[in-house]
C-alpha atoms as a PDB file:
ATOM      1  CA  MET A   1      14.361  -9.521 -78.675  1.00  0.00           C
ATOM      2  CA  ALA A   2      15.046 -12.856 -77.018  1.00  0.00           C
ATOM      3  CA  ALA A   3      12.360 -15.349 -76.183  1.00  0.00           C
ATOM      4  CA  ASN A   4      10.663 -14.496 -72.871  1.00  0.00           C
ATOM      5  CA  SER A   5       9.189 -17.114 -70.523  1.00  0.00           C
ATOM      6  CA  GLY A   6       8.933 -19.619 -73.334  1.00  0.00           C
ATOM      7  CA  ARG A   7       7.437 -17.126 -75.778  1.00  0.00           C
ATOM      8  CA  PRO A   8       9.136 -16.976 -79.209  1.00  0.00           C
ATOM      9  CA  ASN A   9      11.023 -13.797 -80.010  1.00  0.00           C
ATOM     10  CA  TRP A  10       8.553 -12.815 -82.728  1.00  0.00           C
ATOM     11  CA  MET A  11       5.968 -12.258 -79.990  1.00  0.00           C
ATOM     12  CA  MET A  12       6.777  -8.972 -78.300  1.00  0.00           C
ATOM     13  CA  ASP A  13       5.669  -6.937 -75.316  1.00  0.00           C
ATOM     14  CA  GLY A  14       5.625  -3.169 -75.301  1.00  0.00           C
ATOM     15  CA  ILE A  15       3.103  -2.250 -77.990  1.00  0.00           C
ATOM     16  CA  THR A  16      -0.083  -4.073 -77.042  1.00  0.00           C
ATOM     17  CA  THR A  17      -0.716  -5.671 -73.677  1.00  0.00           C
ATOM     18  CA  ARG A  18       0.400  -9.270 -73.339  1.00  0.00           C
ATOM     19  CA  PRO A  19      -3.150 -10.710 -73.085  1.00  0.00           C
ATOM     20  CA  VAL A  20      -4.166  -8.895 -76.291  1.00  0.00           C
ATOM     21  CA  GLU A  21      -0.972  -9.958 -78.051  1.00  0.00           C
ATOM     22  CA  GLU A  22      -1.470 -13.579 -77.061  1.00  0.00           C
ATOM     23  CA  TYR A  23      -5.124 -13.422 -78.094  1.00  0.00           C
ATOM     24  CA  LEU A  24      -4.187 -12.174 -81.566  1.00  0.00           C
ATOM     25  CA  TYR A  25      -1.705 -14.998 -82.049  1.00  0.00           C
ATOM     26  CA  SER A  26      -4.169 -17.561 -80.715  1.00  0.00           C
ATOM     27  CA  LEU A  27      -6.516 -16.735 -83.595  1.00  0.00           C
ATOM     28  CA  LEU A  28      -3.982 -17.429 -86.339  1.00  0.00           C
ATOM     29  CA  PRO A  29      -4.383 -20.584 -88.415  1.00  0.00           C
ATOM     30  CA  PRO A  30      -1.454 -23.028 -88.303  1.00  0.00           C
ATOM     31  CA  ARG A  31       1.347 -22.246 -90.734  1.00  0.00           C
ATOM     32  CA  ASP A  32       2.754 -24.747 -93.209  1.00  0.00           C
ATOM     33  CA  PRO A  33       5.828 -26.802 -92.219  1.00  0.00           C
ATOM     34  CA  VAL A  34       8.339 -24.437 -93.871  1.00  0.00           C
ATOM     35  CA  LEU A  35       7.143 -21.293 -92.100  1.00  0.00           C
ATOM     36  CA  THR A  36       6.819 -23.232 -88.851  1.00  0.00           C
ATOM     37  CA  ALA A  37      10.399 -24.469 -89.207  1.00  0.00           C
ATOM     38  CA  ILE A  38      11.661 -20.905 -89.660  1.00  0.00           C
ATOM     39  CA  GLU A  39       9.639 -19.719 -86.662  1.00  0.00           C
ATOM     40  CA  ASP A  40      11.158 -22.492 -84.550  1.00  0.00           C
ATOM     41  CA  GLU A  41      14.706 -21.678 -85.689  1.00  0.00           C
ATOM     42  CA  ALA A  42      14.169 -17.969 -85.080  1.00  0.00           C
ATOM     43  CA  ALA A  43      13.004 -18.659 -81.528  1.00  0.00           C
ATOM     44  CA  LYS A  44      15.844 -21.104 -80.871  1.00  0.00           C
ATOM     45  CA  ARG A  45      18.626 -18.904 -82.263  1.00  0.00           C
ATOM     46  CA  ASP A  46      17.188 -15.447 -81.543  1.00  0.00           C
ATOM     47  CA  ILE A  47      16.928 -14.562 -85.234  1.00  0.00           C
ATOM     48  CA  PRO A  48      14.697 -11.539 -85.919  1.00  0.00           C
ATOM     49  CA  ILE A  49      11.670 -12.344 -88.091  1.00  0.00           C
ATOM     50  CA  VAL A  50       8.383 -10.483 -88.491  1.00  0.00           C
ATOM     51  CA  GLY A  51       6.368 -13.419 -87.171  1.00  0.00           C
ATOM     52  CA  PRO A  52       3.078 -14.827 -88.448  1.00  0.00           C
ATOM     53  CA  ALA A  53       0.737 -11.958 -87.547  1.00  0.00           C
ATOM     54  CA  VAL A  54       2.811  -9.423 -89.489  1.00  0.00           C
ATOM     55  CA  GLY A  55       3.545 -12.002 -92.196  1.00  0.00           C
ATOM     56  CA  ARG A  56      -0.188 -12.218 -92.896  1.00  0.00           C
ATOM     57  CA  ILE A  57      -0.383  -8.417 -93.145  1.00  0.00           C
ATOM     58  CA  LEU A  58       2.495  -8.358 -95.632  1.00  0.00           C
ATOM     59  CA  TYR A  59       0.791 -10.986 -97.768  1.00  0.00           C
ATOM     60  CA  GLN A  60      -2.523  -9.135 -97.589  1.00  0.00           C
ATOM     61  CA  LEU A  61      -1.002  -5.745 -98.461  1.00  0.00           C
ATOM     62  CA  ALA A  62       0.750  -7.154-101.515  1.00  0.00           C
ATOM     63  CA  ARG A  63      -2.428  -8.899-102.688  1.00  0.00           C
ATOM     64  CA  ILE A  64      -4.625  -5.836-102.163  1.00  0.00           C
ATOM     65  CA  ALA A  65      -2.157  -3.636-104.048  1.00  0.00           C
ATOM     66  CA  GLY A  66      -1.704  -6.177-106.836  1.00  0.00           C
ATOM     67  CA  SER A  67       2.060  -6.061-106.282  1.00  0.00           C
ATOM     68  CA  LYS A  68       4.073  -8.216-108.670  1.00  0.00           C
ATOM     69  CA  ASN A  69       7.527  -6.691-108.230  1.00  0.00           C
ATOM     70  CA  ILE A  70       8.840  -6.423-104.653  1.00  0.00           C
ATOM     71  CA  PHE A  71      12.207  -5.364-103.259  1.00  0.00           C
ATOM     72  CA  GLU A  72      13.001  -6.456 -99.715  1.00  0.00           C
ATOM     73  CA  MET A  73      15.673  -4.517 -97.828  1.00  0.00           C
ATOM     74  CA  GLY A  74      16.923  -6.883 -95.136  1.00  0.00           C
ATOM     75  CA  SER A  75      15.664 -10.461 -95.445  1.00  0.00           C
ATOM     76  CA  ALA A  76      17.581 -12.534 -92.844  1.00  0.00           C
ATOM     77  CA  ILE A  77      16.670 -16.218 -93.324  1.00  0.00           C
ATOM     78  CA  GLY A  78      13.787 -15.512 -95.672  1.00  0.00           C
ATOM     79  CA  TYR A  79      10.655 -15.705 -93.529  1.00  0.00           C
ATOM     80  CA  SER A  80       9.015 -12.525 -94.815  1.00  0.00           C
ATOM     81  CA  THR A  81      10.346 -13.280 -98.299  1.00  0.00           C
ATOM     82  CA  ILE A  82       8.195 -16.411 -98.482  1.00  0.00           C
ATOM     83  CA  TRP A  83       5.091 -14.418 -97.541  1.00  0.00           C
ATOM     84  CA  TRP A  84       5.907 -11.909-100.300  1.00  0.00           C
ATOM     85  CA  ALA A  85       6.662 -14.657-102.832  1.00  0.00           C
ATOM     86  CA  ARG A  86       3.353 -16.364-102.208  1.00  0.00           C
ATOM     87  CA  ALA A  87       1.570 -13.039-102.573  1.00  0.00           C
ATOM     88  CA  VAL A  88       3.073 -12.144-105.970  1.00  0.00           C
ATOM     89  CA  GLY A  89       2.516 -15.661-107.332  1.00  0.00           C
ATOM     90  CA  ALA A  90       3.620 -16.984-110.699  1.00  0.00           C
ATOM     91  CA  GLY A  91       5.017 -14.254-112.913  1.00  0.00           C
ATOM     92  CA  GLY A  92       5.915 -12.067-109.946  1.00  0.00           C
ATOM     93  CA  ARG A  93       9.360 -11.283-108.584  1.00  0.00           C
ATOM     94  CA  VAL A  94      10.755 -10.706-105.117  1.00  0.00           C
ATOM     95  CA  ILE A  95      14.327  -9.531-104.590  1.00  0.00           C
ATOM     96  CA  TYR A  96      15.809 -10.894-101.350  1.00  0.00           C
ATOM     97  CA  THR A  97      18.758  -8.987 -99.863  1.00  0.00           C
ATOM     98  CA  ASP A  98      20.995  -9.659 -96.894  1.00  0.00           C
ATOM     99  CA  GLY A  99      24.558  -8.791 -95.981  1.00  0.00           C
ATOM    100  CA  ASP A 100      25.333 -12.276 -94.649  1.00  0.00           C
ATOM    101  CA  ARG A 101      25.874 -15.068 -97.178  1.00  0.00           C
ATOM    102  CA  LYS A 102      25.165 -17.692 -94.517  1.00  0.00           C
ATOM    103  CA  ASN A 103      21.714 -16.175 -94.048  1.00  0.00           C
ATOM    104  CA  ALA A 104      21.192 -16.206 -97.800  1.00  0.00           C
ATOM    105  CA  ASP A 105      22.247 -19.844 -98.099  1.00  0.00           C
ATOM    106  CA  GLU A 106      19.903 -20.837 -95.292  1.00  0.00           C
ATOM    107  CA  ALA A 107      17.081 -18.838 -96.854  1.00  0.00           C
ATOM    108  CA  ARG A 108      17.682 -20.521-100.203  1.00  0.00           C
ATOM    109  CA  GLY A 109      17.045 -23.887 -98.569  1.00  0.00           C
ATOM    110  CA  TYR A 110      13.743 -22.681 -97.174  1.00  0.00           C
ATOM    111  CA  PHE A 111      12.751 -21.231-100.554  1.00  0.00           C
ATOM    112  CA  GLU A 112      13.383 -24.588-102.186  1.00  0.00           C
ATOM    113  CA  ARG A 113      11.286 -26.375 -99.580  1.00  0.00           C
ATOM    114  CA  ALA A 114       8.500 -23.810-100.025  1.00  0.00           C
ATOM    115  CA  GLU A 115       8.724 -24.153-103.824  1.00  0.00           C
ATOM    116  CA  VAL A 116       9.005 -20.403-104.389  1.00  0.00           C
ATOM    117  CA  THR A 117      12.516 -20.197-105.875  1.00  0.00           C
ATOM    118  CA  GLY A 118      11.089 -19.324-109.284  1.00  0.00           C
ATOM    119  CA  VAL A 119       9.965 -15.874-108.162  1.00  0.00           C
ATOM    120  CA  ILE A 120      12.850 -14.983-105.810  1.00  0.00           C
ATOM    121  CA  THR A 121      16.155 -13.359-106.780  1.00  0.00           C
ATOM    122  CA  ILE A 122      18.786 -13.590-104.036  1.00  0.00           C
ATOM    123  CA  LYS A 123      21.288 -10.760-103.674  1.00  0.00           C
ATOM    124  CA  VAL A 124      23.991 -10.578-100.984  1.00  0.00           C
ATOM    125  CA  GLY A 125      25.348  -7.197 -99.946  1.00  0.00           C
ATOM    126  CA  ASP A 126      24.279  -3.823 -98.607  1.00  0.00           C
ATOM    127  CA  ALA A 127      20.519  -3.586 -99.198  1.00  0.00           C
ATOM    128  CA  LEU A 128      20.516   0.172 -99.777  1.00  0.00           C
ATOM    129  CA  GLU A 129      23.314  -0.050-102.333  1.00  0.00           C
ATOM    130  CA  LEU A 130      21.599  -2.966-104.074  1.00  0.00           C
ATOM    131  CA  LEU A 131      18.345  -1.006-104.283  1.00  0.00           C
ATOM    132  CA  SER A 132      20.074   2.133-105.547  1.00  0.00           C
ATOM    133  CA  GLU A 133      21.598   0.065-108.377  1.00  0.00           C
ATOM    134  CA  GLN A 134      18.193  -1.051-109.663  1.00  0.00           C
ATOM    135  CA  LYS A 135      17.118   0.532-112.944  1.00  0.00           C
ATOM    136  CA  GLN A 136      13.398  -0.101-112.502  1.00  0.00           C
ATOM    137  CA  GLU A 137      10.613   0.990-110.175  1.00  0.00           C
ATOM    138  CA  PHE A 138       8.948  -1.426-107.758  1.00  0.00           C
ATOM    139  CA  ASP A 139       5.350  -2.014-106.775  1.00  0.00           C
ATOM    140  CA  LEU A 140       6.350  -2.507-103.147  1.00  0.00           C
ATOM    141  CA  ILE A 141       9.512  -1.946-101.119  1.00  0.00           C
ATOM    142  CA  PHE A 142       9.917  -3.438 -97.655  1.00  0.00           C
ATOM    143  CA  CYS A 143      12.404  -2.009 -95.155  1.00  0.00           C
ATOM    144  CA  ASP A 144      13.853  -4.126 -92.349  1.00  0.00           C
ATOM    145  CA  VAL A 145      17.531  -3.137 -92.314  1.00  0.00           C
ATOM    146  CA  ASP A 146      19.636  -1.866 -89.405  1.00  0.00           C
ATOM    147  CA  LYS A 147      17.531   0.766 -87.664  1.00  0.00           C
ATOM    148  CA  GLU A 148      20.206   3.457 -87.839  1.00  0.00           C
ATOM    149  CA  ASP A 149      19.886   3.223 -91.630  1.00  0.00           C
ATOM    150  CA  TYR A 150      16.112   3.762 -91.768  1.00  0.00           C
ATOM    151  CA  PRO A 151      16.166   7.496 -92.654  1.00  0.00           C
ATOM    152  CA  ARG A 152      18.600   6.838 -95.500  1.00  0.00           C
ATOM    153  CA  ALA A 153      16.607   3.792 -96.595  1.00  0.00           C
ATOM    154  CA  LEU A 154      13.536   5.973 -96.992  1.00  0.00           C
ATOM    155  CA  ARG A 155      15.394   8.429 -99.191  1.00  0.00           C
ATOM    156  CA  VAL A 156      16.644   5.641-101.454  1.00  0.00           C
ATOM    157  CA  ALA A 157      13.342   3.774-101.559  1.00  0.00           C
ATOM    158  CA  GLN A 158      11.168   6.718-102.545  1.00  0.00           C
ATOM    159  CA  THR A 159      13.167   7.129-105.768  1.00  0.00           C
ATOM    160  CA  LYS A 160      12.636   3.452-106.695  1.00  0.00           C
ATOM    161  CA  LEU A 161       8.933   3.167-105.891  1.00  0.00           C
ATOM    162  CA  ARG A 162       6.312   3.606-108.573  1.00  0.00           C
ATOM    163  CA  SER A 163       3.421   6.017-108.174  1.00  0.00           C
ATOM    164  CA  GLY A 164       0.718   4.164-106.288  1.00  0.00           C
ATOM    165  CA  GLY A 165       3.263   1.724-104.853  1.00  0.00           C
ATOM    166  CA  LEU A 166       3.659   0.732-101.210  1.00  0.00           C
ATOM    167  CA  PHE A 167       6.566   1.373 -98.878  1.00  0.00           C
ATOM    168  CA  VAL A 168       6.373  -0.850 -95.779  1.00  0.00           C
ATOM    169  CA  ALA A 169       8.741  -0.763 -92.788  1.00  0.00           C
ATOM    170  CA  ASP A 170       8.981  -3.003 -89.734  1.00  0.00           C
ATOM    171  CA  ASN A 171       9.938  -2.091 -86.129  1.00  0.00           C
ATOM    172  CA  VAL A 172       8.745   1.517 -86.355  1.00  0.00           C
ATOM    173  CA  LEU A 173       7.540   1.573 -82.720  1.00  0.00           C
ATOM    174  CA  TRP A 174      10.757  -0.079 -81.496  1.00  0.00           C
ATOM    175  CA  SER A 175       9.366  -1.748 -78.355  1.00  0.00           C
ATOM    176  CA  GLY A 176       7.647   1.522 -77.480  1.00  0.00           C
ATOM    177  CA  LYS A 177      10.944   3.396 -77.178  1.00  0.00           C
ATOM    178  CA  VAL A 178       9.928   5.856 -79.915  1.00  0.00           C
ATOM    179  CA  ALA A 179       7.766   7.563 -77.264  1.00  0.00           C
ATOM    180  CA  GLU A 180      10.864   8.528 -75.265  1.00  0.00           C
ATOM    181  CA  ASN A 181      11.736  12.196 -74.939  1.00  0.00           C
ATOM    182  CA  ASN A 182      15.440  12.925 -75.421  1.00  0.00           C
ATOM    183  CA  ALA A 183      16.216   9.358 -76.480  1.00  0.00           C
ATOM    184  CA  SER A 184      19.898   8.483 -76.186  1.00  0.00           C
ATOM    185  CA  GLU A 185      19.989   5.205 -78.147  1.00  0.00           C
ATOM    186  CA  ALA A 186      21.077   5.750 -81.757  1.00  0.00           C
ATOM    187  CA  SER A 187      18.596   3.217 -83.119  1.00  0.00           C
ATOM    188  CA  THR A 188      15.688   4.853 -81.271  1.00  0.00           C
ATOM    189  CA  LYS A 189      16.636   8.302 -82.510  1.00  0.00           C
ATOM    190  CA  ALA A 190      16.897   6.974 -86.064  1.00  0.00           C
ATOM    191  CA  ILE A 191      13.438   5.403 -85.925  1.00  0.00           C
ATOM    192  CA  GLN A 192      11.991   8.618 -84.494  1.00  0.00           C
ATOM    193  CA  GLU A 193      13.551  10.596 -87.333  1.00  0.00           C
ATOM    194  CA  PHE A 194      12.340   8.036 -89.877  1.00  0.00           C
ATOM    195  CA  ASN A 195       8.755   8.250 -88.625  1.00  0.00           C
ATOM    196  CA  ARG A 196       8.813  12.051 -88.730  1.00  0.00           C
ATOM    197  CA  LEU A 197      10.233  12.040 -92.246  1.00  0.00           C
ATOM    198  CA  LEU A 198       7.724   9.479 -93.457  1.00  0.00           C
ATOM    199  CA  TYR A 199       4.695  11.361 -92.135  1.00  0.00           C
ATOM    200  CA  SER A 200       6.006  14.713 -93.371  1.00  0.00           C
ATOM    201  CA  ARG A 201       6.466  13.611 -96.979  1.00  0.00           C
ATOM    202  CA  GLN A 202       3.883  15.247 -99.231  1.00  0.00           C
ATOM    203  CA  ASP A 203       4.244  12.457-101.783  1.00  0.00           C
ATOM    204  CA  MET A 204       3.424   9.710 -99.264  1.00  0.00           C
ATOM    205  CA  PHE A 205       0.273   8.828 -97.337  1.00  0.00           C
ATOM    206  CA  THR A 206       1.361   6.999 -94.196  1.00  0.00           C
ATOM    207  CA  THR A 207      -0.222   4.924 -91.436  1.00  0.00           C
ATOM    208  CA  ILE A 208       1.532   3.133 -88.579  1.00  0.00           C
ATOM    209  CA  LEU A 209      -0.124  -0.096 -87.470  1.00  0.00           C
ATOM    210  CA  PRO A 210       0.545  -0.809 -83.765  1.00  0.00           C
ATOM    211  CA  ILE A 211       0.939  -4.553 -84.135  1.00  0.00           C
ATOM    212  CA  ARG A 212       3.929  -6.510 -82.841  1.00  0.00           C
ATOM    213  CA  ASP A 213       6.746  -3.887 -83.068  1.00  0.00           C
ATOM    214  CA  GLY A 214       4.904  -1.412 -85.283  1.00  0.00           C
ATOM    215  CA  LEU A 215       4.473  -1.597 -89.054  1.00  0.00           C
ATOM    216  CA  ALA A 216       4.516   1.544 -91.215  1.00  0.00           C
ATOM    217  CA  VAL A 217       2.533   1.420 -94.447  1.00  0.00           C
ATOM    218  CA  ALA A 218       2.930   4.308 -96.889  1.00  0.00           C
ATOM    219  CA  THR A 219       1.416   4.779-100.327  1.00  0.00           C
ATOM    220  CA  LYS A 220       3.321   6.883-102.847  1.00  0.00           C
ATOM    221  CA  LYS A 221       1.018   9.381-104.506  1.00  0.00           C
END
């Protein structure tokens, strides 16, 4: 979503009212220069990032769960990856994935500036295929790929997530469009299907947090 009236694109209308959204962001402490630089670039070039409010949730979830091994499906220029990397700390590992090598090269520069390269593995290609090739289970898997691929991403991720691990997905309220009856947009229909599948799984306990564009958090039993 493009910047609106001078607001960066990681601040969104449609889920919470604008005054509440702006209040939440007004409370956030300043970010370090690397995260701020990515936020500025994302706003300038209309690059999708989770933004600082969701970034803090990602960090907190990983810390609460004690996650040390994270796979990120869809990483763009590495904003959320840095939050994950700082959460796992020394000895942890975060796998970055993106289909665009230019994104990966840009992200690598940010990782170097943030001094987190030691815990990040960069992989370029289809995120779902890269995850399916992994031989291990992960403590946490984050989904932020093309929305039409969300149902398939869930099916792949649940086979690679350890018992007790977290599956987290961004954009699950899709600017409020998930509430539409008889949705015609393919991405909206895919997110609706994804949410139904996620809540219906007997091996997952799921909650959707209505912040920014909606964040699904599921624990594998």
